[in-house]
Protein backbone atom coordinates (compact mmCIF):
# COMPACT_ATOMS: atom_id res chain seq x y z
CA MET A 1 -11.91 -13.05 -10.15
CA THR A 2 -11.04 -9.72 -11.73
CA THR A 3 -10.39 -7.05 -9.09
CA THR A 4 -12.60 -4.00 -9.50
CA PRO A 5 -11.29 -0.51 -8.78
CA MET A 6 -13.43 -0.30 -5.63
CA PHE A 7 -10.98 -2.28 -3.50
CA PRO A 8 -7.52 -1.84 -5.12
CA GLY A 9 -4.65 -3.75 -3.54
CA PHE A 10 -6.68 -5.63 -0.90
CA ASP A 11 -5.73 -9.05 -2.23
CA GLY A 12 -2.10 -8.22 -1.53
CA LEU A 13 -2.95 -7.06 1.99
CA ILE A 14 -4.93 -10.22 2.69
CA THR A 15 -1.84 -12.18 1.64
CA LEU A 16 0.15 -10.09 4.10
CA SER A 17 -2.36 -10.92 6.85
CA ARG A 18 -1.58 -14.64 6.48
CA ARG A 19 2.04 -14.18 7.49
CA GLU A 20 2.93 -15.56 10.88
CA GLY A 21 2.87 -12.88 13.57
CA VAL A 22 0.81 -10.39 11.53
CA ASP A 23 -2.91 -9.99 12.09
CA ILE A 24 -4.29 -7.02 10.18
CA ARG A 25 -7.47 -8.86 9.25
CA PRO A 26 -9.62 -6.86 11.72
CA THR A 27 -8.37 -3.62 10.19
CA LEU A 28 -8.99 -4.88 6.65
CA LEU A 29 -12.54 -5.95 7.49
CA ARG A 30 -13.35 -2.56 9.03
CA VAL A 31 -11.92 -0.69 6.01
CA LEU A 32 -13.82 -2.89 3.54
CA THR A 33 -17.09 -2.35 5.41
CA ASP A 34 -16.60 1.42 5.69
CA LEU A 35 -15.84 1.71 1.98
CA TYR A 36 -18.84 -0.43 1.02
CA VAL A 37 -21.49 1.41 3.05
CA GLN A 38 -20.37 4.80 1.71
CA ALA A 39 -22.18 4.17 -1.57
CA SER A 40 -25.94 3.67 -1.67
CA VAL A 41 -25.89 1.50 -4.81
CA HIS A 42 -23.37 -1.13 -5.92
CA SER A 43 -22.92 -3.08 -9.11
CA ARG A 44 -23.12 -6.86 -9.16
CA ASP A 45 -19.34 -7.17 -9.48
CA GLU A 46 -18.75 -4.86 -6.51
CA GLU A 47 -21.20 -6.78 -4.37
CA GLN A 48 -19.64 -10.10 -5.37
CA GLN A 49 -16.16 -8.85 -4.55
CA PHE A 50 -17.30 -7.53 -1.17
CA VAL A 51 -18.87 -10.90 -0.34
CA GLU A 52 -15.72 -12.80 -1.34
CA LEU A 53 -13.35 -10.56 0.61
CA THR A 54 -15.43 -10.35 3.78
CA SER A 55 -16.12 -14.10 3.76
CA ARG A 56 -12.36 -14.68 4.01
CA LEU A 57 -12.10 -12.36 7.03
CA ILE A 58 -15.27 -12.63 9.16
CA ASP A 59 -14.38 -15.97 10.77
CA HIS A 60 -10.85 -14.85 11.65
CA VAL A 61 -11.45 -11.58 13.51
CA ASP A 62 -12.18 -10.81 17.14
CA ASP A 63 -15.66 -10.33 18.59
CA ALA A 64 -15.27 -6.55 18.88
CA THR A 65 -14.48 -6.19 15.18
CA ARG A 66 -17.32 -8.53 14.21
CA ALA A 67 -19.74 -6.54 16.37
CA ALA A 68 -18.62 -3.25 14.81
CA VAL A 69 -19.09 -4.63 11.28
CA ARG A 70 -22.45 -6.09 12.25
CA GLY A 71 -23.59 -2.69 13.51
CA ARG A 72 -22.58 -0.96 10.27
CA LEU A 73 -24.29 -3.51 8.00
CA ALA A 74 -27.41 -3.86 10.17
CA ILE A 75 -28.53 -0.33 9.28
CA TYR A 76 -27.36 -0.47 5.64
CA PRO A 77 -30.22 -1.42 3.28
CA GLY A 78 -27.93 -2.74 0.55
CA ALA A 79 -26.00 -5.26 2.65
CA PRO A 80 -25.54 -8.61 0.81
CA PRO A 81 -27.74 -11.34 2.34
CA GLU A 82 -24.86 -13.84 2.40
CA VAL A 83 -22.75 -11.54 4.58
CA LEU A 84 -25.73 -10.82 6.86
CA ARG A 85 -26.27 -14.54 7.41
CA ARG A 86 -22.60 -15.03 8.31
CA LEU A 87 -22.96 -12.25 10.88
CA GLY A 88 -26.16 -13.71 12.35
CA LEU A 89 -28.44 -11.02 10.89
CA ARG A 90 -31.69 -11.41 9.03
CA PRO A 91 -31.85 -10.02 5.48
CA TYR A 92 -33.71 -6.77 4.92
CA GLN A 93 -37.46 -7.00 4.34
CA ARG A 94 -39.95 -4.35 3.26
CA ASP A 95 -42.03 -4.57 6.43
CA GLN A 96 -39.11 -3.78 8.71
CA ARG A 97 -36.77 -0.83 8.72
CA VAL A 98 -33.52 -2.64 9.48
CA PRO A 99 -32.43 -6.32 9.62
CA LEU A 100 -33.04 -7.84 13.02
CA ALA A 101 -30.23 -9.67 14.75
CA ALA A 102 -30.82 -13.20 15.95
CA GLU A 103 -31.29 -13.68 19.66
CA ILE A 104 -27.99 -14.08 21.46
CA SER A 105 -27.89 -16.90 23.96
CA ILE A 106 -26.30 -16.03 27.29
CA ALA A 107 -23.60 -18.49 28.18
CA PRO A 108 -23.01 -19.29 31.85
CA ALA A 109 -20.19 -17.27 33.32
CA THR A 110 -17.27 -19.57 33.95
CA SER A 111 -14.31 -17.24 34.15
CA PRO A 112 -13.81 -13.49 33.93
CA PRO A 113 -13.02 -12.22 30.41
CA PRO A 114 -9.36 -11.56 29.68
CA LYS A 115 -8.21 -8.03 30.33
CA PRO A 116 -7.76 -6.13 27.07
CA SER A 117 -4.25 -5.09 26.15
CA SER A 118 -3.28 -1.56 27.00
CA HIS A 119 -2.21 0.95 24.37
CA ALA A 120 1.41 0.60 25.47
CA GLN A 121 1.26 -3.20 25.09
CA LEU A 122 -0.20 -2.86 21.61
CA ARG A 123 2.57 -0.46 20.64
CA MET A 124 5.21 -2.90 21.94
CA ALA A 125 3.61 -5.73 19.97
CA SER A 126 3.75 -3.68 16.78
CA SER A 127 7.24 -4.77 15.91
CA LEU A 128 6.91 -6.58 12.60
CA SER A 129 8.51 -4.85 9.68
CA MET A 130 6.87 -4.85 6.27
CA ARG A 131 8.45 -6.76 3.45
CA PRO A 132 9.24 -4.59 0.43
CA GLN A 133 6.48 -6.16 -1.66
CA ASP A 134 3.91 -5.66 1.13
CA ALA A 135 5.02 -2.04 1.53
CA ALA A 136 4.60 -1.49 -2.20
CA GLU A 137 1.05 -2.90 -2.03
CA ILE A 138 0.08 -0.49 0.77
CA SER A 139 1.71 2.48 -0.96
CA ASP A 140 0.05 1.75 -4.32
CA MET A 141 -3.34 1.22 -2.68
CA PHE A 142 -3.06 4.56 -0.87
CA PHE A 143 -2.08 6.55 -3.98
CA ARG A 144 -4.87 4.95 -6.06
CA ALA A 145 -7.57 5.54 -3.43
CA SER A 146 -10.00 8.45 -3.40
CA ALA A 147 -9.96 11.18 -0.75
CA SER A 148 -12.56 9.50 1.47
CA GLU A 149 -10.87 6.12 1.11
CA ARG A 150 -7.50 7.61 2.05
CA GLY A 151 -9.01 9.03 5.23
CA LEU A 152 -10.32 5.61 6.21
CA ILE A 153 -7.00 3.94 5.44
CA LEU A 154 -5.06 6.40 7.57
CA HIS A 155 -7.57 6.07 10.40
CA ASN A 156 -7.31 2.27 10.45
CA LEU A 157 -3.53 2.14 10.08
CA GLN A 158 -3.22 3.30 13.68
CA ASP A 159 -4.42 -0.10 14.97
CA THR A 160 -2.29 -2.30 12.72
CA PRO A 161 0.60 -4.30 14.24
CA LEU A 162 3.01 -3.14 11.56
CA ARG A 163 6.16 -1.41 12.70
CA ALA A 164 6.24 2.31 12.05
CA SER A 165 9.34 4.23 11.03
CA ALA A 166 11.39 5.84 13.75
CA ARG A 167 10.58 9.44 14.59
CA ILE A 168 12.60 12.14 12.90
CA PRO A 169 14.96 13.70 15.49
CA ALA A 170 13.44 16.86 16.93
CA ALA A 171 16.34 19.15 15.97
CA ARG A 172 16.42 17.81 12.41
CA ALA A 173 12.62 18.09 12.09
CA ALA A 174 12.60 21.69 13.38
CA ARG A 175 15.28 22.75 10.89
CA THR A 176 13.44 20.99 8.06
CA ILE A 177 10.11 22.62 8.93
CA GLU A 178 11.71 26.06 8.82
CA ILE A 179 13.27 25.38 5.41
CA LEU A 180 10.04 23.92 4.03
CA GLU A 181 8.01 26.92 5.17
CA ARG A 182 10.43 29.35 3.51
CA ALA A 183 10.37 27.34 0.27
CA ALA A 184 6.56 27.26 0.32
CA PHE A 185 6.34 31.06 0.71
CA VAL A 186 8.15 31.56 -2.61
CA ALA A 187 6.53 28.48 -4.24
CA ASP A 188 9.97 26.86 -4.65
CA VAL A 189 8.72 23.33 -5.30
CA ALA A 190 12.16 22.03 -6.32
CA ASN A 191 13.88 22.96 -3.05
CA PHE A 192 10.81 21.89 -1.08
CA THR A 193 10.98 18.44 -2.71
CA LEU A 194 14.72 18.14 -2.14
CA GLU A 195 14.52 19.06 1.55
CA LEU A 196 11.50 16.84 2.22
CA GLY A 197 13.13 13.80 0.62
CA ASP A 198 16.38 14.40 2.50
CA ALA A 199 14.65 14.73 5.87
CA LEU A 200 12.40 11.68 5.42
CA ILE A 201 15.15 9.58 3.76
CA LEU A 202 13.15 9.17 0.57
CA PRO A 203 14.41 9.26 -3.03
CA ALA A 204 13.58 12.30 -5.12
CA ARG A 205 11.06 10.30 -7.17
CA VAL A 206 8.95 9.39 -4.13
CA ALA A 207 9.22 12.89 -2.63
CA ALA A 208 8.03 14.39 -5.92
CA GLU A 209 5.11 11.93 -6.04
CA ILE A 210 4.09 12.99 -2.53
CA ILE A 211 4.14 16.70 -3.40
CA ASP A 212 2.63 16.37 -6.88
CA ASP A 213 -0.33 14.31 -5.66
CA PRO A 214 -3.46 16.40 -6.42
CA GLY A 215 -5.33 15.24 -3.31
CA GLY A 216 -2.78 16.45 -0.75
CA GLU A 217 -3.15 13.52 1.68
CA PRO A 218 0.43 12.24 1.10
CA LEU A 219 1.76 15.72 1.87
CA ALA A 220 -0.25 15.71 5.10
CA CYS A 221 1.32 12.38 6.07
CA ALA A 222 4.81 13.70 5.35
CA ALA A 223 4.16 16.84 7.40
CA ARG A 224 2.77 14.83 10.32
CA ALA A 225 5.83 12.56 10.23
CA LEU A 226 7.88 15.72 10.79
CA ASN A 227 5.46 16.83 13.55
CA MET A 228 4.83 20.07 11.67
CA PRO A 229 2.55 22.47 13.59
CA SER A 230 -0.94 22.84 12.14
CA PRO A 231 -0.63 26.59 11.36
CA VAL A 232 2.60 25.94 9.44
CA PHE A 233 0.96 23.12 7.47
CA GLN A 234 -1.92 25.42 6.55
CA ARG A 235 0.50 28.08 5.29
CA VAL A 236 2.29 25.44 3.23
CA LEU A 237 -1.04 24.47 1.64
CA LEU A 238 -1.84 28.09 0.84
CA PHE A 239 1.46 29.06 -0.80
CA LEU A 240 3.15 25.91 -2.15
CA LYS A 241 0.55 24.72 -4.67
CA PRO A 242 -1.92 27.19 -6.22
CA GLU A 243 -4.38 24.45 -7.17
CA ILE A 244 -4.83 23.68 -3.46
CA GLY A 245 -4.24 27.13 -1.96
CA THR A 246 -6.91 28.79 -4.11
CA SER A 247 -9.55 26.25 -3.06
CA VAL A 248 -11.05 27.02 0.34
CA GLN A 249 -12.72 23.63 0.41
CA GLN A 250 -9.45 21.80 -0.23
CA VAL A 251 -7.55 23.73 2.43
CA TYR A 252 -10.33 23.18 4.96
CA ARG A 253 -10.60 19.45 4.17
CA LEU A 254 -6.86 18.83 4.45
CA SER A 255 -6.63 20.90 7.62
CA ARG A 256 -9.35 18.79 9.21
CA LEU A 257 -7.59 15.62 8.10
CA TYR A 258 -4.31 16.87 9.52
CA GLU A 259 -5.89 17.59 12.90
CA THR A 260 -7.15 14.00 13.21
CA LEU A 261 -4.16 12.28 11.61
CA SER A 262 -2.09 10.38 14.18
CA GLU A 263 1.68 10.36 14.17
CA ARG A 264 1.72 6.55 14.12
CA SER A 265 -0.38 6.35 10.93
CA ALA A 266 1.92 8.86 9.22
CA LEU A 267 5.05 6.95 10.29
CA ILE A 268 3.56 3.67 9.01
CA MET A 269 2.95 5.31 5.63
CA LEU A 270 6.55 6.57 5.71
CA ALA A 271 7.72 2.99 6.32
CA ALA A 272 5.58 1.84 3.38
CA TRP A 273 7.10 4.47 1.08
CA ARG A 274 10.61 3.47 2.09
CA GLY A 275 9.83 -0.23 1.61
CA SER A 276 8.23 0.35 -1.78
CA THR A 277 11.44 2.06 -2.91
CA LEU A 278 13.40 -1.08 -2.06
CA ALA A 279 10.84 -3.24 -3.89
CA ALA A 280 11.15 -1.07 -7.02
CA THR A 281 14.94 -1.30 -6.88
CA ARG A 282 14.86 -5.08 -6.63
CA ALA A 283 12.35 -5.35 -9.48
CA LYS A 284 14.59 -3.14 -11.63
CA TYR A 285 17.82 -5.09 -11.24
CA ARG A 286 16.81 -8.71 -10.69
CA PRO A 287 15.68 -9.45 -14.30
CA SER A 288 18.77 -7.75 -15.70
CA LEU A 289 21.14 -9.88 -13.64
CA TYR A 290 19.19 -13.02 -14.52
CA ASP A 291 19.34 -12.30 -18.26
CA ASP A 292 23.00 -11.40 -18.03
CA GLU A 293 23.74 -14.81 -16.51
CA ARG A 294 21.86 -16.59 -19.29
CA HIS A 295 23.52 -14.38 -21.87
CA ARG A 296 26.96 -15.36 -20.60
CA GLU A 297 26.02 -19.01 -20.81
CA ARG A 298 24.77 -18.69 -24.40
CA ALA A 299 27.75 -16.65 -25.52
CA ALA A 300 30.29 -19.41 -24.73
CA PRO A 301 31.73 -20.53 -28.11
CA ALA A 302 31.36 -24.17 -28.99
CA GLN A 303 34.56 -26.24 -29.24
CA THR A 304 35.06 -27.30 -32.87
CA ARG A 305 37.80 -29.53 -34.27
CA PRO A 306 39.93 -28.10 -37.10
CA ALA A 307 39.52 -29.64 -40.52
CA ALA A 308 42.06 -32.33 -41.43
CA GLN A 309 44.96 -31.03 -43.49
CA PRO A 310 46.96 -33.08 -46.00
CA PRO A 311 50.63 -33.89 -45.29
CA GLY A 312 52.91 -30.94 -45.80
CA GLY A 313 50.28 -28.43 -44.83
CA ALA A 314 49.47 -27.52 -48.47
CA THR A 315 46.11 -27.91 -50.03
CA MET A 316 45.95 -30.23 -53.06
CA ALA A 317 44.75 -28.32 -56.10
CA PRO A 318 43.08 -30.10 -59.03
CA ARG A 319 45.56 -31.04 -61.78
CA LYS A 320 45.20 -29.45 -65.18
CA GLY A 321 46.85 -30.32 -68.44
CA SER A 322 46.97 -33.02 -71.08
CA GLN A 323 48.14 -35.77 -68.75
CA GLY A 324 45.39 -38.09 -67.86
CA SER A 325 43.27 -36.92 -70.78
CA GLY A 326 43.94 -40.14 -72.68
CA ARG A 327 45.48 -38.38 -75.67
């Protein structure tokens, strides 16, 4: 199937969810559902892709996630009938306002339900690092997403079991915030980029991509990873980039996002950016080394035997003259 732009990069994340010890399928299903119900009308290809992706996730998520997805699709008129049937819902009909859920049979109580894991236990279980290719998938999906989709991604990253980057030391972060604020006041984008990349241990290319992004969500993640105070972040928005600072709506939207953005989500995005850098480096050098090895094998000269020489080392020249002419 050809992936439509509505769900960029989700095939790679579903592949990541199959790895042993990683279960981000509940998060993926919630994000897919939230993105789908945002639009009132969908094309046939979008609906088909949503059915295929959710069908691969519904049977492998917990009851709480399935109930949340069921609640979102139960009040959405354009929910695909196939997905509704898998969730135990009746398709939408004209004589009813919303699909009705099938009656739930009450099972006899045999044992008390298991106690849910505490927030601290979930944090301790989040110890699986991302492979470089998985990190590149998450980073590319985030940069290609729209503003509303980025907000949903950042919101759902908080519950993933992926390991976040370590916090920036407080003294280093405080010094960096002061330098960044001074650079923003004079619109010194070059020094701002250099200091941000140095503090977050990111190459200049990735730091520039974060700052040059027109939406501003990557910059909010970078600032949250540094634990930048909200008033300082707002001043950075106002002075660093005129295209954002002159738009009241943009400043207000990013300020609201920054208030709700968790430190864990920002540090997971930082880990994805660092991992994507390693993936790009490997992709750059692996083909070159492979071709060099083949080139060395082809360049070996073939062993050839020298032509036979007559005795004495001299070459016999054809005889000329009257002898042998028969005269």
